Amino acid sequence: MKRPFAATVWREGKWYVSQCLELDIASQGQTEDEALANLTEALELHFEPPQATRPPMVRTVEVEVGAA
């Protein structure tokens, strides 16, 4: 069964980064097409058995965002 996922692609330095908007999965490549192909592979691997038996632990980090 195939399912569509929305993805964004942007450039960071020499690399293109692709990110799935529905899942916390991203990849990169030297071209937009390569970044999307690598994201497709990462998504396929994500859904292959065995799947995680428990969700990952979510943690909080603090970052300074304004000038002091």
C-alpha atoms as a PDB file:
ATOM      1  CA  MET A   1       0.000   0.000   0.000  1.00  0.00           C
ATOM      2  CA  LYS A   2       1.347   3.430  -0.905  1.00  0.00           C
ATOM      3  CA  ARG A   3       0.592   6.598   1.038  1.00  0.00           C
ATOM      4  CA  PRO A   4       1.544  10.144   0.057  1.00  0.00           C
ATOM      5  CA  PHE A   5       3.484  12.374   2.456  1.00  0.00           C
ATOM      6  CA  ALA A   6       4.104  16.114   2.149  1.00  0.00           C
ATOM      7  CA  ALA A   7       7.749  17.161   2.069  1.00  0.00           C
ATOM      8  CA  THR A   8       9.731  20.370   1.958  1.00  0.00           C
ATOM      9  CA  VAL A   9      13.162  20.872   0.417  1.00  0.00           C
ATOM     10  CA  TRP A  10      15.595  23.695   1.108  1.00  0.00           C
ATOM     11  CA  ARG A  11      19.275  24.373   0.587  1.00  0.00           C
ATOM     12  CA  GLU A  12      21.784  24.489   3.441  1.00  0.00           C
ATOM     13  CA  GLY A  13      25.256  25.300   2.143  1.00  0.00           C
ATOM     14  CA  LYS A  14      26.228  22.663  -0.429  1.00  0.00           C
ATOM     15  CA  TRP A  15      23.375  20.297   0.552  1.00  0.00           C
ATOM     16  CA  TYR A  16      19.650  20.109  -0.053  1.00  0.00           C
ATOM     17  CA  VAL A  17      17.627  19.028   2.968  1.00  0.00           C
ATOM     18  CA  SER A  18      14.255  17.306   2.631  1.00  0.00           C
ATOM     19  CA  GLN A  19      11.830  16.885   5.523  1.00  0.00           C
ATOM     20  CA  CYS A  20       8.570  14.998   5.833  1.00  0.00           C
ATOM     21  CA  LEU A  21       5.937  17.347   7.281  1.00  0.00           C
ATOM     22  CA  GLU A  22       3.812  14.608   8.881  1.00  0.00           C
ATOM     23  CA  LEU A  23       6.655  12.679  10.537  1.00  0.00           C
ATOM     24  CA  ASP A  24       9.884  13.750  12.200  1.00  0.00           C
ATOM     25  CA  ILE A  25      12.038  12.352   9.385  1.00  0.00           C
ATOM     26  CA  ALA A  26      14.522  14.230   7.221  1.00  0.00           C
ATOM     27  CA  SER A  27      17.325  13.484   4.772  1.00  0.00           C
ATOM     28  CA  GLN A  28      19.738  15.299   2.501  1.00  0.00           C
ATOM     29  CA  GLY A  29      21.371  15.091  -0.905  1.00  0.00           C
ATOM     30  CA  GLN A  30      23.561  17.009  -3.315  1.00  0.00           C
ATOM     31  CA  THR A  31      20.503  17.861  -5.469  1.00  0.00           C
ATOM     32  CA  GLU A  32      16.809  18.369  -4.714  1.00  0.00           C
ATOM     33  CA  ASP A  33      15.972  15.094  -6.470  1.00  0.00           C
ATOM     34  CA  GLU A  34      18.614  13.211  -4.483  1.00  0.00           C
ATOM     35  CA  ALA A  35      17.365  14.708  -1.211  1.00  0.00           C
ATOM     36  CA  LEU A  36      13.800  13.617  -2.020  1.00  0.00           C
ATOM     37  CA  ALA A  37      14.952  10.141  -3.091  1.00  0.00           C
ATOM     38  CA  ASN A  38      16.878   9.788   0.171  1.00  0.00           C
ATOM     39  CA  LEU A  39      13.824  10.957   2.125  1.00  0.00           C
ATOM     40  CA  THR A  40      11.693   8.376   0.329  1.00  0.00           C
ATOM     41  CA  GLU A  41      14.164   5.669   1.331  1.00  0.00           C
ATOM     42  CA  ALA A  42      14.210   6.903   4.948  1.00  0.00           C
ATOM     43  CA  LEU A  43      10.397   6.818   5.077  1.00  0.00           C
ATOM     44  CA  GLU A  44      10.309   3.294   3.625  1.00  0.00           C
ATOM     45  CA  LEU A  45      12.814   2.146   6.246  1.00  0.00           C
ATOM     46  CA  HIS A  46      10.770   3.826   8.984  1.00  0.00           C
ATOM     47  CA  PHE A  47       7.736   1.687   8.128  1.00  0.00           C
ATOM     48  CA  GLU A  48       9.608  -1.620   7.765  1.00  0.00           C
ATOM     49  CA  PRO A  49       9.068  -4.169  10.540  1.00  0.00           C
ATOM     50  CA  PRO A  50      10.096  -4.373  13.277  1.00  0.00           C
ATOM     51  CA  GLN A  51       8.611  -1.074  14.349  1.00  0.00           C
ATOM     52  CA  ALA A  52       9.470   0.600  17.617  1.00  0.00           C
ATOM     53  CA  THR A  53       7.656  -0.989  20.556  1.00  0.00           C
ATOM     54  CA  ARG A  54       7.642   2.232  22.557  1.00  0.00           C
ATOM     55  CA  PRO A  55       7.808   5.883  21.596  1.00  0.00           C
ATOM     56  CA  PRO A  56      11.105   7.734  21.928  1.00  0.00           C
ATOM     57  CA  MET A  57      11.729   9.778  25.068  1.00  0.00           C
ATOM     58  CA  VAL A  58      11.016  13.458  24.489  1.00  0.00           C
ATOM     59  CA  ARG A  59      13.294  15.883  26.294  1.00  0.00           C
ATOM     60  CA  THR A  60      13.391  19.648  26.616  1.00  0.00           C
ATOM     61  CA  VAL A  61      16.394  21.844  25.872  1.00  0.00           C
ATOM     62  CA  GLU A  62      16.770  25.557  26.539  1.00  0.00           C
ATOM     63  CA  VAL A  63      18.347  27.901  24.002  1.00  0.00           C
ATOM     64  CA  GLU A  64      19.140  31.605  24.336  1.00  0.00           C
ATOM     65  CA  VAL A  65      17.206  33.333  21.559  1.00  0.00           C
ATOM     66  CA  GLY A  66      17.415  37.051  22.332  1.00  0.00           C
ATOM     67  CA  ALA A  67      20.189  39.553  22.871  1.00  0.00           C
ATOM     68  CA  ALA A  68      20.889  40.146  26.558  1.00  0.00           C
END
